[in-house]
Amino acid sequence: MFGSWGRETPKVYSREQLEGILDALDSGEYGIVLRAKGILPCTCGKWLHFDYVPEEHEVRVGAADYTGRLCVIGSELKEDKLAELFGL
């Protein structure tokens, strides 16, 4: 059975930091992650939109939102570890 974990956050991320987080999702340490996506404020003053599937992800600059949002979908998700990974 699949589950999801999501958060809203005003936390600001650098592009490099977000790329590292998405790479870490492949480790299996956070559960079996099948998909993740979101929009987060960037240290550069813009907004980063991201999409993740196992062993592949994309980060791009996109339209602004009122707060950052992220969602992770998979099975056996380790929500406390995901929160720690995203610094929440």
PDB file of N, CA and C in Angstrom:
ATOM      1  N   MET A   1       0.839  -1.163   0.000  1.00  0.00           N
ATOM      2  CA  MET A   1       0.000   0.000   0.000  1.00  0.00           C
ATOM      3  C   MET A   1       0.897   1.244   0.000  1.00  0.00           C
ATOM      4  N   PHE A   2       0.456   2.260  -0.734  1.00  0.00           N
ATOM      5  CA  PHE A   2       1.212   3.506  -0.831  1.00  0.00           C
ATOM      6  C   PHE A   2       0.718   4.510   0.191  1.00  0.00           C
ATOM      7  N   GLY A   3       1.613   5.358   0.590  1.00  0.00           N
ATOM      8  CA  GLY A   3       1.291   6.445   1.489  1.00  0.00           C
ATOM      9  C   GLY A   3       1.904   7.722   0.963  1.00  0.00           C
ATOM     10  N   SER A   4       1.603   8.832   1.619  1.00  0.00           N
ATOM     11  CA  SER A   4       2.214  10.096   1.208  1.00  0.00           C
ATOM     12  C   SER A   4       2.568  10.910   2.442  1.00  0.00           C
ATOM     13  N   TRP A   5       3.558  11.741   2.269  1.00  0.00           N
ATOM     14  CA  TRP A   5       4.017  12.655   3.308  1.00  0.00           C
ATOM     15  C   TRP A   5       4.177  14.010   2.650  1.00  0.00           C
ATOM     16  N   GLY A   6       3.627  15.033   3.244  1.00  0.00           N
ATOM     17  CA  GLY A   6       3.740  16.367   2.667  1.00  0.00           C
ATOM     18  C   GLY A   6       3.813  17.431   3.737  1.00  0.00           C
ATOM     19  N   ARG A   7       4.353  18.556   3.349  1.00  0.00           N
ATOM     20  CA  ARG A   7       4.490  19.688   4.264  1.00  0.00           C
ATOM     21  C   ARG A   7       4.393  20.995   3.481  1.00  0.00           C
ATOM     22  N   GLU A   8       3.989  22.033   4.197  1.00  0.00           N
ATOM     23  CA  GLU A   8       4.136  23.404   3.715  1.00  0.00           C
ATOM     24  C   GLU A   8       5.230  24.016   4.563  1.00  0.00           C
ATOM     25  N   THR A   9       6.085  24.831   3.933  1.00  0.00           N
ATOM     26  CA  THR A   9       7.193  25.419   4.681  1.00  0.00           C
ATOM     27  C   THR A   9       7.666  26.721   4.053  1.00  0.00           C
ATOM     28  N   PRO A  10       8.045  27.685   4.875  1.00  0.00           N
ATOM     29  CA  PRO A  10       8.662  28.904   4.364  1.00  0.00           C
ATOM     30  C   PRO A  10      10.186  28.750   4.249  1.00  0.00           C
ATOM     31  N   LYS A  11      10.732  27.581   4.639  1.00  0.00           N
ATOM     32  CA  LYS A  11      12.184  27.353   4.623  1.00  0.00           C
ATOM     33  C   LYS A  11      12.741  27.593   3.221  1.00  0.00           C
ATOM     34  N   VAL A  12      13.892  28.244   3.172  1.00  0.00           N
ATOM     35  CA  VAL A  12      14.552  28.589   1.908  1.00  0.00           C
ATOM     36  C   VAL A  12      15.683  27.591   1.652  1.00  0.00           C
ATOM     37  N   TYR A  13      15.789  27.120   0.399  1.00  0.00           N
ATOM     38  CA  TYR A  13      16.781  26.118   0.005  1.00  0.00           C
ATOM     39  C   TYR A  13      17.628  26.656  -1.139  1.00  0.00           C
ATOM     40  N   SER A  14      18.883  26.247  -1.181  1.00  0.00           N
ATOM     41  CA  SER A  14      19.694  26.521  -2.369  1.00  0.00           C
ATOM     42  C   SER A  14      19.409  25.411  -3.377  1.00  0.00           C
ATOM     43  N   ARG A  15      19.694  25.672  -4.635  1.00  0.00           N
ATOM     44  CA  ARG A  15      19.502  24.644  -5.665  1.00  0.00           C
ATOM     45  C   ARG A  15      20.360  23.417  -5.348  1.00  0.00           C
ATOM     46  N   GLU A  16      21.600  23.647  -4.915  1.00  0.00           N
ATOM     47  CA  GLU A  16      22.506  22.552  -4.595  1.00  0.00           C
ATOM     48  C   GLU A  16      21.979  21.722  -3.428  1.00  0.00           C
ATOM     49  N   GLN A  17      21.445  22.393  -2.434  1.00  0.00           N
ATOM     50  CA  GLN A  17      20.883  21.701  -1.277  1.00  0.00           C
ATOM     51  C   GLN A  17      19.714  20.813  -1.704  1.00  0.00           C
ATOM     52  N   LEU A  18      18.823  21.344  -2.542  1.00  0.00           N
ATOM     53  CA  LEU A  18      17.681  20.571  -3.018  1.00  0.00           C
ATOM     54  C   LEU A  18      18.127  19.389  -3.871  1.00  0.00           C
ATOM     55  N   GLU A  19      19.116  19.596  -4.732  1.00  0.00           N
ATOM     56  CA  GLU A  19      19.644  18.496  -5.557  1.00  0.00           C
ATOM     57  C   GLU A  19      20.183  17.384  -4.654  1.00  0.00           C
ATOM     58  N   GLY A  20      20.881  17.740  -3.584  1.00  0.00           N
ATOM     59  CA  GLY A  20      21.407  16.760  -2.645  1.00  0.00           C
ATOM     60  C   GLY A  20      20.304  15.982  -1.939  1.00  0.00           C
ATOM     61  N   ILE A  21      19.237  16.674  -1.573  1.00  0.00           N
ATOM     62  CA  ILE A  21      18.092  16.025  -0.932  1.00  0.00           C
ATOM     63  C   ILE A  21      17.470  15.009  -1.888  1.00  0.00           C
ATOM     64  N   LEU A  22      17.274  15.416  -3.126  1.00  0.00           N
ATOM     65  CA  LEU A  22      16.656  14.512  -4.107  1.00  0.00           C
ATOM     66  C   LEU A  22      17.552  13.311  -4.391  1.00  0.00           C
ATOM     67  N   ASP A  23      18.866  13.514  -4.452  1.00  0.00           N
ATOM     68  CA  ASP A  23      19.793  12.390  -4.620  1.00  0.00           C
ATOM     69  C   ASP A  23      19.677  11.418  -3.446  1.00  0.00           C
ATOM     70  N   ALA A  24      19.520  11.954  -2.241  1.00  0.00           N
ATOM     71  CA  ALA A  24      19.451  11.117  -1.038  1.00  0.00           C
ATOM     72  C   ALA A  24      18.205  10.229  -1.022  1.00  0.00           C
ATOM     73  N   LEU A  25      17.142  10.640  -1.686  1.00  0.00           N
ATOM     74  CA  LEU A  25      15.926   9.832  -1.709  1.00  0.00           C
ATOM     75  C   LEU A  25      16.148   8.469  -2.367  1.00  0.00           C
ATOM     76  N   ASP A  26      17.176   8.352  -3.206  1.00  0.00           N
ATOM     77  CA  ASP A  26      17.488   7.076  -3.864  1.00  0.00           C
ATOM     78  C   ASP A  26      18.131   6.061  -2.919  1.00  0.00           C
ATOM     79  N   SER A  27      18.553   6.477  -1.739  1.00  0.00           N
ATOM     80  CA  SER A  27      19.319   5.604  -0.843  1.00  0.00           C
ATOM     81  C   SER A  27      18.490   4.487  -0.213  1.00  0.00           C
ATOM     82  N   GLY A  28      17.174   4.653  -0.161  1.00  0.00           N
ATOM     83  CA  GLY A  28      16.329   3.679   0.525  1.00  0.00           C
ATOM     84  C   GLY A  28      16.202   3.962   2.013  1.00  0.00           C
ATOM     85  N   GLU A  29      16.969   4.897   2.513  1.00  0.00           N
ATOM     86  CA  GLU A  29      16.954   5.247   3.936  1.00  0.00           C
ATOM     87  C   GLU A  29      15.639   5.903   4.363  1.00  0.00           C
ATOM     88  N   TYR A  30      14.874   6.412   3.413  1.00  0.00           N
ATOM     89  CA  TYR A  30      13.654   7.170   3.717  1.00  0.00           C
ATOM     90  C   TYR A  30      12.392   6.401   3.348  1.00  0.00           C
ATOM     91  N   GLY A  31      12.527   5.122   3.044  1.00  0.00           N
ATOM     92  CA  GLY A  31      11.421   4.300   2.593  1.00  0.00           C
ATOM     93  C   GLY A  31      11.547   4.080   1.095  1.00  0.00           C
ATOM     94  N   ILE A  32      10.534   3.494   0.520  1.00  0.00           N
ATOM     95  CA  ILE A  32      10.524   3.244  -0.922  1.00  0.00           C
ATOM     96  C   ILE A  32       9.819   4.430  -1.572  1.00  0.00           C
ATOM     97  N   VAL A  33      10.606   5.388  -2.027  1.00  0.00           N
ATOM     98  CA  VAL A  33      10.052   6.626  -2.595  1.00  0.00           C
ATOM     99  C   VAL A  33       9.804   6.416  -4.082  1.00  0.00           C
ATOM    100  N   LEU A  34       8.544   6.575  -4.482  1.00  0.00           N
ATOM    101  CA  LEU A  34       8.166   6.401  -5.880  1.00  0.00           C
ATOM    102  C   LEU A  34       8.040   7.724  -6.618  1.00  0.00           C
ATOM    103  N   ARG A  35       7.726   8.789  -5.880  1.00  0.00           N
ATOM    104  CA  ARG A  35       7.517  10.088  -6.517  1.00  0.00           C
ATOM    105  C   ARG A  35       7.638  11.157  -5.455  1.00  0.00           C
ATOM    106  N   ALA A  36       8.180  12.283  -5.837  1.00  0.00           N
ATOM    107  CA  ALA A  36       8.197  13.461  -4.975  1.00  0.00           C
ATOM    108  C   ALA A  36       8.112  14.675  -5.876  1.00  0.00           C
ATOM    109  N   LYS A  37       7.443  15.694  -5.396  1.00  0.00           N
ATOM    110  CA  LYS A  37       7.376  16.932  -6.167  1.00  0.00           C
ATOM    111  C   LYS A  37       7.089  18.075  -5.224  1.00  0.00           C
ATOM    112  N   GLY A  38       7.382  19.268  -5.695  1.00  0.00           N
ATOM    113  CA  GLY A  38       7.117  20.414  -4.857  1.00  0.00           C
ATOM    114  C   GLY A  38       7.616  21.708  -5.452  1.00  0.00           C
ATOM    115  N   ILE A  39       7.417  22.752  -4.675  1.00  0.00           N
ATOM    116  CA  ILE A  39       7.867  24.100  -5.008  1.00  0.00           C
ATOM    117  C   ILE A  39       8.398  24.705  -3.710  1.00  0.00           C
ATOM    118  N   LEU A  40       9.614  25.225  -3.769  1.00  0.00           N
ATOM    119  CA  LEU A  40      10.260  25.750  -2.572  1.00  0.00           C
ATOM    120  C   LEU A  40      10.963  27.069  -2.873  1.00  0.00           C
ATOM    121  N   PRO A  41      10.980  28.001  -1.908  1.00  0.00           N
ATOM    122  CA  PRO A  41      11.719  29.239  -2.113  1.00  0.00           C
ATOM    123  C   PRO A  41      13.219  28.973  -2.154  1.00  0.00           C
ATOM    124  N   CYS A  42      13.914  29.706  -3.014  1.00  0.00           N
ATOM    125  CA  CYS A  42      15.352  29.514  -3.220  1.00  0.00           C
ATOM    126  C   CYS A  42      16.151  30.663  -2.614  1.00  0.00           C
ATOM    127  N   THR A  43      17.367  30.367  -2.230  1.00  0.00           N
ATOM    128  CA  THR A  43      18.261  31.386  -1.690  1.00  0.00           C
ATOM    129  C   THR A  43      18.550  32.483  -2.715  1.00  0.00           C
ATOM    130  N   CYS A  44      18.336  32.190  -4.003  1.00  0.00           N
ATOM    131  CA  CYS A  44      18.579  33.174  -5.060  1.00  0.00           C
ATOM    132  C   CYS A  44      17.422  34.163  -5.202  1.00  0.00           C
ATOM    133  N   GLY A  45      16.342  33.976  -4.408  1.00  0.00           N
ATOM    134  CA  GLY A  45      15.194  34.870  -4.475  1.00  0.00           C
ATOM    135  C   GLY A  45      14.101  34.396  -5.413  1.00  0.00           C
ATOM    136  N   LYS A  46      14.331  33.305  -6.118  1.00  0.00           N
ATOM    137  CA  LYS A  46      13.321  32.746  -7.027  1.00  0.00           C
ATOM    138  C   LYS A  46      12.684  31.528  -6.360  1.00  0.00           C
ATOM    139  N   TRP A  47      11.900  30.788  -7.111  1.00  0.00           N
ATOM    140  CA  TRP A  47      11.245  29.580  -6.600  1.00  0.00           C
ATOM    141  C   TRP A  47      11.709  28.376  -7.401  1.00  0.00           C
ATOM    142  N   LEU A  48      12.006  27.291  -6.692  1.00  0.00           N
ATOM    143  CA  LEU A  48      12.442  26.048  -7.330  1.00  0.00           C
ATOM    144  C   LEU A  48      11.277  25.067  -7.367  1.00  0.00           C
ATOM    145  N   HIS A  49      10.999  24.551  -8.539  1.00  0.00           N
ATOM    146  CA  HIS A  49      10.002  23.497  -8.716  1.00  0.00           C
ATOM    147  C   HIS A  49      10.785  22.214  -8.925  1.00  0.00           C
ATOM    148  N   PHE A  50      10.369  21.121  -8.286  1.00  0.00           N
ATOM    149  CA  PHE A  50      11.098  19.870  -8.466  1.00  0.00           C
ATOM    150  C   PHE A  50      10.154  18.694  -8.686  1.00  0.00           C
ATOM    151  N   ASP A  51      10.658  17.713  -9.425  1.00  0.00           N
ATOM    152  CA  ASP A  51       9.990  16.441  -9.672  1.00  0.00           C
ATOM    153  C   ASP A  51      11.018  15.344  -9.487  1.00  0.00           C
ATOM    154  N   TYR A  52      10.614  14.275  -8.820  1.00  0.00           N
ATOM    155  CA  TYR A  52      11.518  13.157  -8.556  1.00  0.00           C
ATOM    156  C   TYR A  52      10.804  11.838  -8.842  1.00  0.00           C
ATOM    157  N   VAL A  53      11.479  10.946  -9.511  1.00  0.00           N
ATOM    158  CA  VAL A  53      11.144   9.527  -9.597  1.00  0.00           C
ATOM    159  C   VAL A  53      12.460   8.805  -9.336  1.00  0.00           C
ATOM    160  N   PRO A  54      12.432   7.538  -8.929  1.00  0.00           N
ATOM    161  CA  PRO A  54      13.681   6.867  -8.584  1.00  0.00           C
ATOM    162  C   PRO A  54      14.774   7.030  -9.646  1.00  0.00           C
ATOM    163  N   GLU A  55      15.946   7.446  -9.158  1.00  0.00           N
ATOM    164  CA  GLU A  55      17.152   7.634  -9.951  1.00  0.00           C
ATOM    165  C   GLU A  55      17.052   8.724 -11.016  1.00  0.00           C
ATOM    166  N   GLU A  56      16.056   9.582 -10.916  1.00  0.00           N
ATOM    167  CA  GLU A  56      15.919  10.681 -11.877  1.00  0.00           C
ATOM    168  C   GLU A  56      15.161  11.825 -11.214  1.00  0.00           C
ATOM    169  N   HIS A  57      15.687  13.028 -11.359  1.00  0.00           N
ATOM    170  CA  HIS A  57      14.952  14.187 -10.848  1.00  0.00           C
ATOM    171  C   HIS A  57      15.252  15.421 -11.696  1.00  0.00           C
ATOM    172  N   GLU A  58      14.373  16.397 -11.555  1.00  0.00           N
ATOM    173  CA  GLU A  58      14.513  17.658 -12.281  1.00  0.00           C
ATOM    174  C   GLU A  58      14.226  18.803 -11.316  1.00  0.00           C
ATOM    175  N   VAL A  59      15.060  19.823 -11.367  1.00  0.00           N
ATOM    176  CA  VAL A  59      14.853  21.047 -10.593  1.00  0.00           C
ATOM    177  C   VAL A  59      14.864  22.187 -11.591  1.00  0.00           C
ATOM    178  N   ARG A  60      13.850  23.045 -11.533  1.00  0.00           N
ATOM    179  CA  ARG A  60      13.761  24.168 -12.461  1.00  0.00           C
ATOM    180  C   ARG A  60      13.211  25.389 -11.716  1.00  0.00           C
ATOM    181  N   VAL A  61      13.465  26.555 -12.253  1.00  0.00           N
ATOM    182  CA  VAL A  61      12.929  27.795 -11.701  1.00  0.00           C
ATOM    183  C   VAL A  61      11.525  27.974 -12.269  1.00  0.00           C
ATOM    184  N   GLY A  62      10.584  28.354 -11.400  1.00  0.00           N
ATOM    185  CA  GLY A  62       9.200  28.515 -11.846  1.00  0.00           C
ATOM    186  C   GLY A  62       8.508  29.649 -11.127  1.00  0.00           C
ATOM    187  N   ALA A  63       7.222  29.705 -11.325  1.00  0.00           N
ATOM    188  CA  ALA A  63       6.388  30.762 -10.762  1.00  0.00           C
ATOM    189  C   ALA A  63       6.391  30.703  -9.235  1.00  0.00           C
ATOM    190  N   ALA A  64       6.232  31.842  -8.619  1.00  0.00           N
ATOM    191  CA  ALA A  64       6.212  31.942  -7.163  1.00  0.00           C
ATOM    192  C   ALA A  64       4.894  31.435  -6.594  1.00  0.00           C
ATOM    193  N   ASP A  65       4.928  31.073  -5.332  1.00  0.00           N
ATOM    194  CA  ASP A  65       3.749  30.672  -4.587  1.00  0.00           C
ATOM    195  C   ASP A  65       3.805  31.392  -3.244  1.00  0.00           C
ATOM    196  N   TYR A  66       2.796  31.231  -2.403  1.00  0.00           N
ATOM    197  CA  TYR A  66       2.805  31.951  -1.137  1.00  0.00           C
ATOM    198  C   TYR A  66       3.659  31.262  -0.077  1.00  0.00           C
ATOM    199  N   THR A  67       3.887  29.961  -0.226  1.00  0.00           N
ATOM    200  CA  THR A  67       4.767  29.223   0.680  1.00  0.00           C
ATOM    201  C   THR A  67       5.277  27.988  -0.036  1.00  0.00           C
ATOM    202  N   GLY A  68       6.330  27.391   0.477  1.00  0.00           N
ATOM    203  CA  GLY A  68       6.862  26.178  -0.117  1.00  0.00           C
ATOM    204  C   GLY A  68       5.966  24.988   0.183  1.00  0.00           C
ATOM    205  N   ARG A  69       5.905  24.059  -0.750  1.00  0.00           N
ATOM    206  CA  ARG A  69       5.117  22.839  -0.570  1.00  0.00           C
ATOM    207  C   ARG A  69       5.894  21.666  -1.121  1.00  0.00           C
ATOM    208  N   LEU A  70       5.783  20.544  -0.446  1.00  0.00           N
ATOM    209  CA  LEU A  70       6.423  19.346  -0.958  1.00  0.00           C
ATOM    210  C   LEU A  70       5.593  18.132  -0.598  1.00  0.00           C
ATOM    211  N   CYS A  71       5.705  17.101  -1.435  1.00  0.00           N
ATOM    212  CA  CYS A  71       4.965  15.869  -1.244  1.00  0.00           C
ATOM    213  C   CYS A  71       5.845  14.704  -1.681  1.00  0.00           C
ATOM    214  N   VAL A  72       5.857  13.653  -0.881  1.00  0.00           N
ATOM    215  CA  VAL A  72       6.607  12.438  -1.184  1.00  0.00           C
ATOM    216  C   VAL A  72       5.615  11.276  -1.148  1.00  0.00           C
ATOM    217  N   ILE A  73       5.630  10.455  -2.188  1.00  0.00           N
ATOM    218  CA  ILE A  73       4.719   9.319  -2.290  1.00  0.00           C
ATOM    219  C   ILE A  73       5.544   8.042  -2.381  1.00  0.00           C
ATOM    220  N   GLY A  74       5.131   7.029  -1.637  1.00  0.00           N
ATOM    221  CA  GLY A  74       5.838   5.759  -1.683  1.00  0.00           C
ATOM    222  C   GLY A  74       5.251   4.783  -0.686  1.00  0.00           C
ATOM    223  N   SER A  75       6.038   3.810  -0.277  1.00  0.00           N
ATOM    224  CA  SER A  75       5.586   2.863   0.737  1.00  0.00           C
ATOM    225  C   SER A  75       6.662   2.769   1.812  1.00  0.00           C
ATOM    226  N   GLU A  76       6.209   2.413   3.003  1.00  0.00           N
ATOM    227  CA  GLU A  76       7.104   2.315   4.149  1.00  0.00           C
ATOM    228  C   GLU A  76       7.905   3.603   4.346  1.00  0.00           C
ATOM    229  N   LEU A  77       7.256   4.754   4.100  1.00  0.00           N
ATOM    230  CA  LEU A  77       7.937   6.047   4.238  1.00  0.00           C
ATOM    231  C   LEU A  77       8.315   6.290   5.696  1.00  0.00           C
ATOM    232  N   LYS A  78       9.495   6.771   5.898  1.00  0.00           N
ATOM    233  CA  LYS A  78       9.991   7.103   7.234  1.00  0.00           C
ATOM    234  C   LYS A  78       9.846   8.607   7.415  1.00  0.00           C
ATOM    235  N   GLU A  79       8.664   9.000   7.883  1.00  0.00           N
ATOM    236  CA  GLU A  79       8.299  10.413   7.934  1.00  0.00           C
ATOM    237  C   GLU A  79       9.248  11.246   8.777  1.00  0.00           C
ATOM    238  N   ASP A  80       9.718  10.716   9.891  1.00  0.00           N
ATOM    239  CA  ASP A  80      10.642  11.480  10.731  1.00  0.00           C
ATOM    240  C   ASP A  80      11.961  11.716  10.013  1.00  0.00           C
ATOM    241  N   LYS A  81      12.430  10.732   9.259  1.00  0.00           N
ATOM    242  CA  LYS A  81      13.673  10.893   8.496  1.00  0.00           C
ATOM    243  C   LYS A  81      13.473  11.850   7.321  1.00  0.00           C
ATOM    244  N   LEU A  82      12.303  11.817   6.690  1.00  0.00           N
ATOM    245  CA  LEU A  82      12.021  12.759   5.605  1.00  0.00           C
ATOM    246  C   LEU A  82      12.018  14.193   6.129  1.00  0.00           C
ATOM    247  N   ALA A  83      11.381  14.398   7.274  1.00  0.00           N
ATOM    248  CA  ALA A  83      11.350  15.738   7.872  1.00  0.00           C
ATOM    249  C   ALA A  83      12.772  16.211   8.178  1.00  0.00           C
ATOM    250  N   GLU A  84      13.590  15.314   8.694  1.00  0.00           N
ATOM    251  CA  GLU A  84      14.991  15.660   8.981  1.00  0.00           C
ATOM    252  C   GLU A  84      15.758  15.973   7.696  1.00  0.00           C
ATOM    253  N   LEU A  85      15.552  15.169   6.653  1.00  0.00           N
ATOM    254  CA  LEU A  85      16.234  15.389   5.384  1.00  0.00           C
ATOM    255  C   LEU A  85      15.917  16.764   4.809  1.00  0.00           C
ATOM    256  N   PHE A  86      14.646  17.169   4.869  1.00  0.00           N
ATOM    257  CA  PHE A  86      14.234  18.471   4.348  1.00  0.00           C
ATOM    258  C   PHE A  86      14.457  19.595   5.357  1.00  0.00           C
ATOM    259  N   GLY A  87      14.986  19.274   6.530  1.00  0.00           N
ATOM    260  CA  GLY A  87      15.286  20.283   7.538  1.00  0.00           C
ATOM    261  C   GLY A  87      14.065  20.883   8.188  1.00  0.00           C
ATOM    262  N   LEU A  88      13.014  20.093   8.323  1.00  0.00           N
ATOM    263  CA  LEU A  88      11.754  20.596   8.894  1.00  0.00           C
ATOM    264  C   LEU A  88      11.528  20.081  10.302  1.00  0.00           C
TER     265      LEU A  88
END
